Amino acid sequence: MAPTGVWLIGARGSVATTAITGLLALRSGIVPDVGCVSAQQQFRNVPLPGWDEIHVGGHDIVDTSLEKRAELLTESGVIPYRVFEAVRPSLSEVDEEIRPGYHPATHVGTQSDAARALADDITAFARRNNLTRVVVVNVSSTEPVFPTLPEHGSLDALEAAMAVPGRTVLPPSSVSVYAALRAGCSFVDFTPSTGIRLAALRELAERQELPYAGSDGKTGETLMRSALAPMFTTRALAVRSWTGTNLLGGGDGRTLADAEHASSKLESKGRGLSTLLGREVTAPLHIDNVPDLGEQKIAWDHVSFEGFLGVRMSLQFTWTGYDSSLAAPLVLDLARFTAAAHAARHTGPLGALAFFFKDPMGTEEHRLGEQFAELVSWAGTL
């Protein structure tokens, strides 16, 4: 496949840094492709960009270098030391392709100006590296829920509002979407933020004939739920309640400790459960910041269910992992599949990529097995 760009929003965050480090390690052959869905046998004949054909750049509002961020992740156990040492020189090269992102508190000018500058950065990146296409992937921190405004319903109204000095008509995630689409790039939202979930932005994607996918990467607890919930329904067991508690540290822990930031994540995680079970159930979900855990994430679930003759039973499970390690290969997978979809002239929401998301766009299918079967079937058409 032709040289392809991956432009990361939040390029110096934990997930992005792990993905970049992993890409460099895969490219040099020092690690196997464990955890990379797109590298499985089912996709061997799909025209996906190779590891050595992918070029990375991005936006971020922090100025910590990639090398320093990778060093911190190495100390926390996310990146093996030998991998970090092997790719350290290349991290500096990627770091040169990262540009300052948009922050409404520090930006001077209209949101139209901000989007134009972001789009220019992406276009210049593609030109410098002779890229055929660029996939923009949002891996930044979860935003607070943004209020719905009338201007969100129409592209013309939105663009008029964006040009008004002092107006903040879009959250940062949606400014990035607008910039990506104006730059002719496909878009993937790995977060539960507003992003492309506005009618005006979907209208722009249609006009530009671009594909997009999202939202909120499925890496841990929800992955387990999407595999286990169908077991109960196919076995005709009645789930009465499904309680979840998430403990996490690091940047995500600090971000989600704030109730406004956590609300969109909780909505995203909870939305698919009733669909999976075929009815509403009591499903309280909690997210707690535990700084001592660092980059580690622990999820504990308690499922109460009813069997034959009304006998009550329960299932409990604990999931412990490093979220960045689970998320990073999926970011690379999504970039590869979305690039191939763009090359095949697919447009609109890529429902076949639901396998990767908690709250997928373009489909109501949440069952993991069925999602994977759809992914394999769809990929065969690219």
Foldseek 3Di string as FASTA:
>chain_A
DAQEEEAEEACQDLLNLLLVLVLLCVVVPVDDLPLFPCPDPLNPPFPFDDSVSYAYEYEYQDDDQSLVSVVVCCVLPLDPPVSSVVCSVVSVVRSVLYDYADDVVPDAAFLVVRLQVLLVSVLVVCVVVVGPAYEYEYPHAFDFADDDDPQLQAQVSVVVQRRDPPDDNDDRLQSNLSSQLVSLHEYEEQELHCHCVTNHSLVSLVVSLAEYKYDHFDFWDLLVLLACLLVCVVVVKFWAEKEKEKEAEAPNQVQCQDVRRVPSVVCLQPVLNCLSNVHDHHYYYYYHYDNVSHQKMKMKMKIWIADPPRDIDIDIDMIIDRRSSRSSSVSVNVRRQSVSCVVVSHTYYDQLSLLGYSHIPPDSDRRNVVSVVSVSVVSVVD
